[in-house]
């Protein structure tokens, strides 16, 4: 297998070199073709895990992400045709609140269904490596939502993005790259506020975003019952999942996010399975509400979240809006190995300084559920460059690339003290501990603490002082939720992303 991969790489490199010469020896294209970060091979352990799960290295992938749990899942198609979970990655940092992104500068990380094609992969990201989520998609645009440069990237720093460690994004990037080499034109990216379980839906039943969450839960349910990537369309400013041509129709339905929905049907085998799941979930939800399941606290003033495995390794670190750990679990996390390098400038979640609304003391009226509809592929923004040109030549749209300016140096800040019992006291405590700062898009700097945190003792410091230029793959055993088998499978060479596509043209 290695000899075949090497021969293929050599042929692809020759083809790309010839095309570069004919194009005038564009040095940017040459540098992209030899980008070491973007061409790291998939780790032997992950390749071995694929074999154990009946997956091929270059089979299609699908990504799901959950803010509250601060986890990113990579699913991969098995040889049976269905998707299975390959690996779960803890998220180092996300910003904003639970809920969709609405406008540029609101610090919200997007929620919904998006489509990632090769032109959205950025090997020259200022945040190690990245891919553009494609926000806003057609649904977002129909609602007038604005924003740009919303990425999944490295560096553990977020101002509206989903940030991983450099080692994690290198591995995720390589999995996406290999799926494109295998013929997948785009992989689906599903972003949720939390796992769409009856328990979580009951806890957040008072949230004004509940109608939107019920709508995207349909897509979640479609994937859960079929283990197939749901087809996504938009109409009447709603998501539509797995729509098909009506039996008496002469052509496929044409969808427009702002227009009336065309005539369509959902295949009965999918529709019936989804209905059964929704009925079970609704029955469990009603039981939880009837027995008085407490509603989640809203308007906490906390900016985003961080997976507990990272928060446990940062002096005075906090998980923010993500799930926390206590007691023995926290001690075990503190002693375990982190899934990647935590930058010395990491900025854990802390109260933002926007006015905090009073926390409701009684349960408000539950938001009405949305109608039964479901998401079309995102259309990325225009951008020129080699990757974008490559996408256009292969029939893809273009997309924004990660910001090219280096990330701002965030000052280490003190984590908030024990949460006060009232919103007013929380705000007072936040203002006392933190200096004002402007929360904006990727170009803005995070708030700087009024009083710098006391430096940790050498023995207590868990963060690396410097970050190497090229990161090894993530230690599989360190990532929560991962299921990897130990083995000595050979490293599968990924070769050059650009050269291999050059050979295909």
Protein backbone atom coordinates (compact mmCIF):
# COMPACT_ATOMS: atom_id res chain seq x y z
CA UNK A 1 0.00 0.00 0.00
CA UNK A 2 2.84 2.38 0.80
CA UNK A 3 4.51 1.79 -2.58
CA UNK A 4 1.24 2.46 -4.41
CA UNK A 5 0.68 5.64 -2.40
CA UNK A 6 4.22 6.80 -3.13
CA UNK A 7 3.84 6.15 -6.84
CA UNK A 8 0.54 7.98 -6.89
CA UNK A 9 2.06 10.92 -5.02
CA UNK A 10 4.95 11.13 -7.46
CA UNK A 11 2.64 11.09 -10.47
CA UNK A 12 0.37 13.70 -8.90
CA UNK A 13 3.35 15.91 -8.05
CA UNK A 14 4.64 15.71 -11.62
CA UNK A 15 1.20 16.62 -12.97
CA UNK A 16 0.87 19.55 -10.59
CA UNK A 17 4.40 20.77 -11.31
CA UNK A 18 3.66 20.73 -15.03
CA UNK A 19 0.46 22.69 -14.53
CA UNK A 20 2.31 25.25 -12.39
CA UNK A 21 4.97 25.71 -15.09
CA UNK A 22 2.32 26.22 -17.74
CA UNK A 23 0.57 28.72 -15.47
CA UNK A 24 3.70 30.76 -14.99
CA UNK A 25 5.28 29.17 -11.90
CA UNK A 26 2.93 30.71 -9.34
CA UNK A 27 4.95 30.51 -6.12
CA UNK A 28 1.78 30.55 -3.96
CA UNK A 29 0.57 27.38 -5.67
CA UNK A 30 3.94 25.72 -5.16
CA UNK A 31 3.93 26.59 -1.46
CA UNK A 32 0.42 25.19 -1.04
CA UNK A 33 1.38 21.97 -2.78
CA UNK A 34 4.22 21.45 -0.29
CA UNK A 35 2.38 22.62 2.85
CA UNK A 36 3.60 20.25 5.55
CA UNK A 37 0.83 20.98 8.05
CA UNK A 38 -1.94 20.27 5.55
CA UNK A 39 -0.32 17.05 4.34
CA UNK A 40 0.27 15.25 7.62
CA UNK A 41 -0.75 11.59 7.32
CA UNK A 42 -3.61 10.13 9.32
CA UNK A 43 -2.16 8.54 12.46
CA UNK A 44 -1.54 4.77 12.48
CA UNK A 45 -3.87 4.33 15.47
CA UNK A 46 -6.72 6.06 13.68
CA UNK A 47 -6.11 4.01 10.53
CA UNK A 48 -6.18 0.86 12.67
CA UNK A 49 -9.45 2.01 14.26
CA UNK A 50 -10.95 2.47 10.78
CA UNK A 51 -10.05 -1.09 9.91
CA UNK A 52 -11.62 -2.33 13.13
CA UNK A 53 -14.83 -0.42 12.34
CA UNK A 54 -15.00 -1.66 8.72
CA UNK A 55 -14.12 1.77 7.27
CA UNK A 56 -11.85 2.79 4.43
CA UNK A 57 -9.36 5.63 4.81
CA UNK A 58 -10.93 7.63 1.99
CA UNK A 59 -14.61 6.92 2.67
CA UNK A 60 -16.95 9.90 3.27
CA UNK A 61 -17.07 11.67 6.63
CA UNK A 62 -19.68 13.70 8.54
CA UNK A 63 -19.05 16.01 11.51
CA UNK A 64 -21.40 16.73 14.42
CA UNK A 65 -20.64 19.31 17.11
CA UNK A 66 -22.24 20.06 20.48
CA UNK A 67 -21.64 23.28 22.44
CA UNK A 68 -22.91 22.23 25.88
CA UNK A 69 -20.90 19.00 25.84
CA UNK A 70 -17.99 20.81 24.10
CA UNK A 71 -17.45 17.83 21.80
CA UNK A 72 -16.87 17.37 18.07
CA UNK A 73 -17.66 14.00 16.52
CA UNK A 74 -16.20 12.64 13.29
CA UNK A 75 -18.41 9.99 11.68
CA UNK A 76 -17.24 7.90 8.75
CA UNK A 77 -19.08 5.76 6.24
CA UNK A 78 -18.53 2.04 6.68
CA UNK A 79 -18.35 -0.51 3.90
CA UNK A 80 -22.03 -1.29 4.59
CA UNK A 81 -22.92 2.24 3.46
CA UNK A 82 -24.00 3.61 6.86
CA UNK A 83 -22.09 6.10 8.99
CA UNK A 84 -20.50 5.07 12.28
CA UNK A 85 -18.73 7.14 14.92
CA UNK A 86 -14.98 7.15 14.36
CA UNK A 87 -13.78 9.51 17.08
CA UNK A 88 -14.95 12.21 19.50
CA UNK A 89 -12.75 15.28 20.07
CA UNK A 90 -13.12 17.57 23.11
CA UNK A 91 -13.47 21.21 22.03
CA UNK A 92 -10.86 23.51 23.51
CA UNK A 93 -12.90 26.72 23.20
CA UNK A 94 -16.12 28.12 21.73
CA UNK A 95 -17.59 31.57 22.32
CA UNK A 96 -20.98 33.20 22.76
CA UNK A 97 -24.09 31.54 24.16
CA UNK A 98 -26.25 28.54 23.33
CA UNK A 99 -28.17 29.56 20.23
CA UNK A 100 -27.58 30.42 16.56
CA UNK A 101 -25.40 33.21 15.22
CA UNK A 102 -27.51 36.24 14.29
CA UNK A 103 -25.22 39.12 13.33
CA UNK A 104 -21.60 40.01 12.69
CA UNK A 105 -19.77 40.70 15.93
CA UNK A 106 -22.15 38.91 18.32
CA UNK A 107 -19.42 36.37 19.21
CA UNK A 108 -21.88 33.55 18.54
CA UNK A 109 -20.59 30.31 17.07
CA UNK A 110 -23.09 29.14 14.42
CA UNK A 111 -25.65 26.37 14.83
CA UNK A 112 -27.33 24.47 12.01
CA UNK A 113 -26.41 22.38 8.96
CA UNK A 114 -23.57 23.39 6.65
CA UNK A 115 -21.66 21.86 3.76
CA UNK A 116 -17.85 21.85 3.56
CA UNK A 117 -16.18 21.48 0.15
CA UNK A 118 -12.45 21.57 -0.75
CA UNK A 119 -12.44 25.32 -1.37
CA UNK A 120 -13.34 25.87 2.30
CA UNK A 121 -10.25 24.04 3.57
CA UNK A 122 -7.52 26.51 4.50
CA UNK A 123 -3.97 25.12 4.81
CA UNK A 124 -2.54 28.60 5.40
CA UNK A 125 -4.67 29.56 8.37
CA UNK A 126 -3.21 31.90 10.98
CA UNK A 127 -4.69 29.44 13.49
CA UNK A 128 -2.59 26.46 12.36
CA UNK A 129 -5.19 24.81 10.05
CA UNK A 130 -8.88 25.47 9.53
CA UNK A 131 -12.00 24.96 7.48
CA UNK A 132 -14.77 27.49 6.91
CA UNK A 133 -18.17 26.39 8.22
CA UNK A 134 -19.91 28.15 5.32
CA UNK A 135 -21.99 30.44 7.55
CA UNK A 136 -24.30 32.02 6.55
CA UNK A 137 -26.12 29.31 4.63
CA UNK A 138 -29.31 29.94 2.63
CA UNK A 139 -31.48 29.66 5.75
CA UNK A 140 -29.35 32.19 7.66
CA UNK A 141 -29.41 34.60 4.71
CA UNK A 142 -33.19 34.34 4.40
CA UNK A 143 -33.46 35.54 8.00
CA UNK A 144 -31.00 38.38 7.40
CA UNK A 145 -28.30 36.86 9.60
CA UNK A 146 -24.80 38.17 9.01
CA UNK A 147 -21.28 37.02 9.78
CA UNK A 148 -18.09 35.88 8.12
CA UNK A 149 -14.90 33.94 8.76
CA UNK A 150 -16.66 31.41 11.03
CA UNK A 151 -14.17 28.57 11.28
CA UNK A 152 -13.21 25.36 12.95
CA UNK A 153 -9.52 25.91 13.61
CA UNK A 154 -6.61 25.35 15.98
CA UNK A 155 -4.90 27.58 18.57
CA UNK A 156 -7.63 27.14 21.24
CA UNK A 157 -8.83 30.73 20.74
CA UNK A 158 -12.39 31.66 19.76
CA UNK A 159 -14.27 34.82 18.85
CA UNK A 160 -17.24 33.19 17.14
CA UNK A 161 -15.45 30.04 15.97
CA UNK A 162 -14.95 26.51 17.24
CA UNK A 163 -11.33 26.16 18.40
CA UNK A 164 -9.43 22.92 18.83
CA UNK A 165 -5.82 22.27 19.71
CA UNK A 166 -3.38 22.29 16.80
CA UNK A 167 -2.92 18.53 17.04
CA UNK A 168 -6.68 17.95 16.92
CA UNK A 169 -7.34 20.18 13.92
CA UNK A 170 -4.41 18.55 12.08
CA UNK A 171 -6.09 15.17 12.46
CA UNK A 172 -9.59 16.43 11.61
CA UNK A 173 -8.21 18.29 8.58
CA UNK A 174 -6.46 15.13 7.37
CA UNK A 175 -9.70 13.13 7.64
CA UNK A 176 -11.55 15.71 5.55
CA UNK A 177 -8.72 15.82 3.02
CA UNK A 178 -8.72 12.03 2.59
CA UNK A 179 -12.51 11.96 2.11
CA UNK A 180 -12.12 14.45 -0.75
CA UNK A 181 -9.39 12.29 -2.27
CA UNK A 182 -11.85 9.39 -2.11
CA UNK A 183 -14.41 11.32 -4.18
CA UNK A 184 -16.61 13.00 -1.56
CA UNK A 185 -17.54 16.40 -3.01
CA UNK A 186 -18.51 17.95 0.34
CA UNK A 187 -18.96 16.72 3.91
CA UNK A 188 -21.82 17.78 6.16
CA UNK A 189 -21.17 19.84 9.30
CA UNK A 190 -23.95 19.73 11.90
CA UNK A 191 -23.66 22.16 14.84
CA UNK A 192 -26.02 21.85 17.83
CA UNK A 193 -26.41 23.64 21.17
CA UNK A 194 -26.42 20.26 22.95
CA UNK A 195 -27.22 16.62 22.26
CA UNK A 196 -30.88 16.68 21.25
CA UNK A 197 -32.10 14.31 23.96
CA UNK A 198 -35.42 14.58 25.86
CA UNK A 199 -33.48 15.49 29.01
CA UNK A 200 -31.68 18.40 27.37
CA UNK A 201 -34.81 19.58 25.58
CA UNK A 202 -36.66 19.60 28.92
CA UNK A 203 -33.87 21.49 30.69
CA UNK A 204 -33.86 24.19 28.00
CA UNK A 205 -37.64 24.34 27.40
CA UNK A 206 -37.75 27.99 28.55
CA UNK A 207 -35.13 29.12 26.03
CA UNK A 208 -36.45 31.45 23.28
CA UNK A 209 -34.37 29.49 20.74
CA UNK A 210 -36.47 26.36 21.32
CA UNK A 211 -38.51 26.66 18.05
CA UNK A 212 -35.25 26.76 16.06
CA UNK A 213 -33.81 23.88 18.08
CA UNK A 214 -36.91 21.75 17.50
CA UNK A 215 -36.53 22.41 13.78
CA UNK A 216 -32.89 21.30 13.57
CA UNK A 217 -33.68 18.35 15.87
CA UNK A 218 -35.57 16.90 12.91
CA UNK A 219 -32.31 16.69 10.98
CA UNK A 220 -30.65 15.22 14.08
CA UNK A 221 -33.41 12.57 14.23
CA UNK A 222 -33.12 11.79 10.51
CA UNK A 223 -29.44 10.99 11.00
CA UNK A 224 -30.08 9.02 14.19
CA UNK A 225 -32.60 6.66 12.57
CA UNK A 226 -30.93 6.23 9.18
CA UNK A 227 -27.20 6.71 9.90
CA UNK A 228 -27.14 8.42 6.51
CA UNK A 229 -26.27 12.04 5.77
CA UNK A 230 -29.64 13.81 5.57
CA UNK A 231 -30.35 15.74 2.38
CA UNK A 232 -30.87 19.36 3.35
CA UNK A 233 -33.00 22.02 1.64
CA UNK A 234 -34.69 25.29 2.64
CA UNK A 235 -38.03 26.92 1.95
CA UNK A 236 -40.32 29.38 3.75
CA UNK A 237 -37.33 30.24 5.96
CA UNK A 238 -37.26 26.70 7.33
CA UNK A 239 -35.09 23.61 7.10
CA UNK A 240 -36.38 20.66 5.05
CA UNK A 241 -34.73 17.24 5.40
CA UNK A 242 -34.65 14.34 2.94
CA UNK A 243 -37.21 15.89 0.57
CA UNK A 244 -37.95 13.90 -2.57
CA UNK A 245 -40.06 14.28 -5.69
CA UNK A 246 -43.76 13.63 -5.26
CA UNK A 247 -45.04 10.47 -7.03
CA UNK A 248 -47.03 12.46 -9.60
CA UNK A 249 -44.35 15.13 -10.16
CA UNK A 250 -42.45 15.30 -13.45
CA UNK A 251 -39.33 16.94 -12.02
CA UNK A 252 -37.47 17.28 -8.75
CA UNK A 253 -38.71 20.02 -6.40
CA UNK A 254 -36.88 23.35 -6.58
CA UNK A 255 -36.25 24.96 -3.19
CA UNK A 256 -35.75 28.62 -2.32
CA UNK A 257 -35.14 29.58 1.31
CA UNK A 258 -37.35 32.68 1.05
CA UNK A 259 -40.07 31.24 -1.21
CA UNK A 260 -43.04 28.97 -0.69
CA UNK A 261 -42.19 25.30 -0.31
CA UNK A 262 -42.64 23.23 -3.49
CA UNK A 263 -44.55 19.96 -3.48
CA UNK A 264 -42.36 17.23 -2.01
CA UNK A 265 -42.53 14.06 0.02
CA UNK A 266 -40.29 12.39 2.56
CA UNK A 267 -39.69 8.68 1.82
CA UNK A 268 -42.06 6.71 4.02
CA UNK A 269 -39.37 4.45 5.48
CA UNK A 270 -37.57 7.55 6.78
CA UNK A 271 -40.69 9.47 7.76
CA UNK A 272 -42.15 6.60 9.79
CA UNK A 273 -38.89 5.93 11.64
CA UNK A 274 -38.51 9.63 12.46
CA UNK A 275 -42.13 9.84 13.67
CA UNK A 276 -41.61 6.91 16.01
CA UNK A 277 -38.46 8.45 17.47
CA UNK A 278 -40.15 11.84 17.89
CA UNK A 279 -43.10 10.22 19.66
CA UNK A 280 -40.79 8.40 22.09
CA UNK A 281 -38.80 11.57 22.72
CA UNK A 282 -41.95 13.66 23.25
CA UNK A 283 -43.37 11.14 25.73
CA UNK A 284 -40.14 11.18 27.72
CA UNK A 285 -39.98 14.98 27.50
CA UNK A 286 -43.53 15.30 28.88
CA UNK A 287 -42.67 13.00 31.81
CA UNK A 288 -39.62 15.09 32.66
CA UNK A 289 -41.60 18.33 32.54
CA UNK A 290 -44.44 16.83 34.59
CA UNK A 291 -42.09 15.80 37.39
CA UNK A 292 -40.60 19.30 37.51
CA UNK A 293 -37.22 18.93 35.84
CA UNK A 294 -35.44 22.24 36.61
CA UNK A 295 -34.93 24.57 33.67
CA UNK A 296 -31.42 25.61 32.75
CA UNK A 297 -30.26 28.99 33.97
CA UNK A 298 -30.41 31.61 31.23
CA UNK A 299 -28.48 34.84 30.67
CA UNK A 300 -25.57 33.79 32.83
CA UNK A 301 -23.25 36.36 31.28
CA UNK A 302 -20.67 33.64 30.60
CA UNK A 303 -18.88 33.88 27.26
CA UNK A 304 -18.84 30.44 25.69
CA UNK A 305 -17.44 27.18 26.93
CA UNK A 306 -14.50 24.80 27.14
CA UNK A 307 -14.34 21.05 27.55
CA UNK A 308 -13.64 20.00 31.11
CA UNK A 309 -10.48 18.12 30.15
CA UNK A 310 -8.90 21.45 29.14
CA UNK A 311 -10.37 23.52 31.98
CA UNK A 312 -8.94 21.05 34.51
CA UNK A 313 -5.43 21.80 33.29
CA UNK A 314 -5.60 25.60 33.39
CA UNK A 315 -5.04 27.49 36.67
CA UNK A 316 -8.47 28.74 37.75
CA UNK A 317 -9.89 27.41 34.47
CA UNK A 318 -13.64 27.23 33.91
CA UNK A 319 -15.86 25.23 31.56
CA UNK A 320 -18.22 28.21 31.24
CA UNK A 321 -21.46 27.14 29.55
CA UNK A 322 -20.14 23.66 28.86
CA UNK A 323 -20.55 20.74 31.23
CA UNK A 324 -18.28 20.82 34.27
CA UNK A 325 -16.67 18.08 36.33
CA UNK A 326 -16.46 17.70 40.09
CA UNK A 327 -14.73 15.62 42.74
CA UNK A 328 -12.92 12.51 41.61
CA UNK A 329 -13.75 13.16 37.94
CA UNK A 330 -12.05 16.56 38.08
CA UNK A 331 -8.97 15.06 39.79
CA UNK A 332 -8.73 12.33 37.15
CA UNK A 333 -8.98 14.87 34.34
CA UNK A 334 -6.27 17.00 35.92
CA UNK A 335 -3.93 14.00 35.96
CA UNK A 336 -4.78 12.74 32.47
CA UNK A 337 -2.95 13.78 29.33
CA UNK A 338 -4.47 16.66 27.36
CA UNK A 339 -5.42 15.93 23.72
CA UNK A 340 -2.96 18.41 22.30
CA UNK A 341 -0.93 21.46 23.25
CA UNK A 342 -2.75 24.12 25.29
CA UNK A 343 -1.33 27.53 24.33
CA UNK A 344 0.05 29.71 27.09
CA UNK A 345 -2.30 32.49 25.96
CA UNK A 346 -5.48 30.41 26.30
CA UNK A 347 -8.44 32.51 27.43
CA UNK A 348 -10.91 30.35 29.42
CA UNK A 349 -14.61 31.28 29.61
CA UNK A 350 -15.43 34.24 31.84
CA UNK A 351 -18.34 36.63 32.37
CA UNK A 352 -18.74 39.12 29.57
CA UNK A 353 -19.54 42.70 30.48
CA UNK A 354 -22.79 43.11 28.61
CA UNK A 355 -25.78 43.95 30.85
CA UNK A 356 -27.12 40.72 32.36
CA UNK A 357 -30.86 40.20 32.32
CA UNK A 358 -32.51 38.95 35.49
CA UNK A 359 -32.74 35.18 35.74
CA UNK A 360 -36.38 34.07 35.74
CA UNK A 361 -37.35 32.51 39.02
CA UNK A 362 -40.36 30.68 37.64
CA UNK A 363 -40.79 28.72 34.45
CA UNK A 364 -42.00 30.95 31.58
CA UNK A 365 -44.35 29.95 28.82
CA UNK A 366 -42.84 27.19 26.68
CA UNK A 367 -42.02 28.29 23.14
CA UNK A 368 -44.28 26.79 20.49
CA UNK A 369 -42.64 24.03 18.46
CA UNK A 370 -41.82 24.70 14.83
CA UNK A 371 -43.61 22.99 11.97
CA UNK A 372 -42.30 19.72 10.63
CA UNK A 373 -39.81 20.88 8.09
CA UNK A 374 -35.95 20.67 7.78
CA UNK A 375 -31.34 22.23 5.20
CA UNK A 376 -29.71 22.94 1.87
CA UNK A 377 -25.98 22.97 1.37
CA UNK A 378 -24.30 26.19 2.44
CA UNK A 379 -23.10 28.53 -0.30
CA UNK A 380 -19.73 29.96 0.77
CA UNK A 381 -18.64 33.50 0.04
CA UNK A 382 -16.49 34.56 -2.90
CA UNK A 383 -12.73 34.38 -2.52
CA UNK A 384 -9.90 34.01 -4.98
CA UNK A 385 -6.85 31.83 -4.48
CA UNK A 386 -5.52 28.41 -5.33
CA UNK A 387 -7.89 26.44 -3.13
CA UNK A 388 -10.89 28.42 -4.35
CA UNK A 389 -9.78 28.07 -7.98
CA UNK A 390 -9.39 24.36 -7.36
CA UNK A 391 -12.93 24.17 -6.02
CA UNK A 392 -14.30 26.05 -9.04
CA UNK A 393 -12.47 23.79 -11.48
CA UNK A 394 -14.05 20.77 -9.78
CA UNK A 395 -17.51 22.32 -9.82
CA UNK A 396 -17.62 23.62 -6.22
CA UNK A 397 -18.47 27.06 -4.94
CA UNK A 398 -15.89 29.27 -3.28
CA UNK A 399 -15.66 30.17 0.38
CA UNK A 400 -14.06 32.45 2.87
CA UNK A 401 -10.69 31.40 4.22
CA UNK A 402 -9.49 31.80 7.75
CA UNK A 403 -8.30 35.24 8.72
CA UNK A 404 -4.71 35.72 7.68
CA UNK A 405 -3.82 38.01 10.53
CA UNK A 406 -2.17 36.36 13.52
CA UNK A 407 -4.41 35.71 16.52
CA UNK A 408 -4.29 38.42 19.21
CA UNK A 409 -2.33 37.63 22.30
CA UNK A 410 -4.90 37.11 24.99
CA UNK A 411 -3.92 37.98 28.53
CA UNK A 412 -4.51 35.15 30.95
CA UNK A 413 -7.54 36.04 33.01
CA UNK A 414 -8.85 34.99 36.36
CA UNK A 415 -11.78 32.60 36.34
CA UNK A 416 -14.97 33.84 38.02
CA UNK A 417 -15.55 33.04 41.64
CA UNK A 418 -18.46 30.96 42.87
CA UNK A 419 -21.57 32.05 40.97
CA UNK A 420 -23.70 34.47 43.05
CA UNK A 421 -27.36 33.69 43.55
CA UNK A 422 -28.72 36.71 41.68
CA UNK A 423 -28.04 38.20 38.26
CA UNK A 424 -27.24 41.60 39.76
CA UNK A 425 -24.62 40.17 42.09
CA UNK A 426 -23.15 38.14 39.22
CA UNK A 427 -22.79 41.28 37.14
CA UNK A 428 -21.28 43.21 40.05
CA UNK A 429 -18.76 40.44 40.62
CA UNK A 430 -17.90 40.33 36.93
CA UNK A 431 -17.35 44.08 36.72
CA UNK A 432 -15.20 43.97 39.84
CA UNK A 433 -12.96 41.24 38.48
CA UNK A 434 -12.73 42.12 34.81
CA UNK A 435 -11.94 45.27 32.86
CA UNK A 436 -14.33 46.27 30.05
CA UNK A 437 -13.65 44.78 26.64
CA UNK A 438 -15.33 44.75 23.24
CA UNK A 439 -16.68 41.39 22.04
CA UNK A 440 -16.62 41.38 18.27
CA UNK A 441 -15.71 39.22 15.31
CA UNK A 442 -12.41 37.50 14.61
CA UNK A 443 -10.56 40.77 14.25
CA UNK A 444 -11.33 41.91 17.81
CA UNK A 445 -9.29 41.17 20.90
CA UNK A 446 -10.77 39.48 23.95
CA UNK A 447 -11.27 41.45 27.16
CA UNK A 448 -8.15 41.85 29.28
CA UNK A 449 -8.31 41.17 32.98
CA UNK A 450 -7.98 44.20 35.25
CA UNK A 451 -5.70 42.24 37.53
CA UNK A 452 -3.46 39.61 35.97
CA UNK A 453 -3.70 36.12 37.31
CA UNK A 454 -0.98 35.05 39.67
CA UNK A 455 1.58 32.98 37.80
CA UNK A 456 1.25 29.29 38.41
CA UNK A 457 4.02 27.44 40.13
CA UNK A 458 6.26 25.48 37.77
CA UNK A 459 4.97 22.17 39.05
CA UNK A 460 1.35 23.24 38.54
CA UNK A 461 1.70 24.62 35.05
CA UNK A 462 0.10 22.33 32.46
CA UNK A 463 0.47 24.54 29.38
CA UNK A 464 3.36 24.45 26.97
CA UNK A 465 5.35 27.67 26.83
CA UNK A 466 5.90 27.41 23.12
CA UNK A 467 4.07 25.70 20.27
CA UNK A 468 6.07 23.66 17.76
CA UNK A 469 5.70 24.47 14.09
CA UNK A 470 4.42 21.02 13.18
CA UNK A 471 2.29 19.02 15.57
CA UNK A 472 2.07 15.24 15.82
CA UNK A 473 -1.30 13.53 15.75
CA UNK A 474 -3.51 13.63 18.80
CA UNK A 475 -2.99 10.93 21.40
CA UNK A 476 -6.13 8.90 20.74
CA UNK A 477 -6.41 7.58 24.25
CA UNK A 478 -6.54 11.08 25.68
CA UNK A 479 -9.62 12.24 23.81
CA UNK A 480 -12.84 11.52 25.63
CA UNK A 481 -15.28 9.35 23.75
CA UNK A 482 -12.64 7.97 21.43
CA UNK A 483 -12.54 4.30 20.66
CA UNK A 484 -9.14 3.43 19.30
CA UNK A 485 -7.37 0.09 19.11
CA UNK A 486 -3.68 -0.18 19.70
CA UNK A 487 -1.80 -1.53 16.73
CA UNK A 488 1.12 -1.12 14.44
CA UNK A 489 -0.71 -0.34 11.24
CA UNK A 490 1.51 1.51 8.80
CA UNK A 491 1.23 5.26 8.42
CA UNK A 492 -0.86 5.94 5.36
CA UNK A 493 0.72 8.74 3.38
CA UNK A 494 -1.74 11.49 2.58
CA UNK A 495 0.54 13.03 -0.03
CA UNK A 496 -0.21 16.56 -1.15
CA UNK A 497 -3.79 17.82 -1.04
CA UNK A 498 -3.26 20.01 -4.07
CA UNK A 499 -1.07 17.67 -6.08
CA UNK A 500 -3.56 14.83 -5.78
CA UNK A 501 -6.38 17.02 -6.97
CA UNK A 502 -4.10 18.26 -9.74
CA UNK A 503 -3.70 14.69 -10.91
CA UNK A 504 -7.46 14.23 -11.02
CA UNK A 505 -8.06 17.18 -13.38
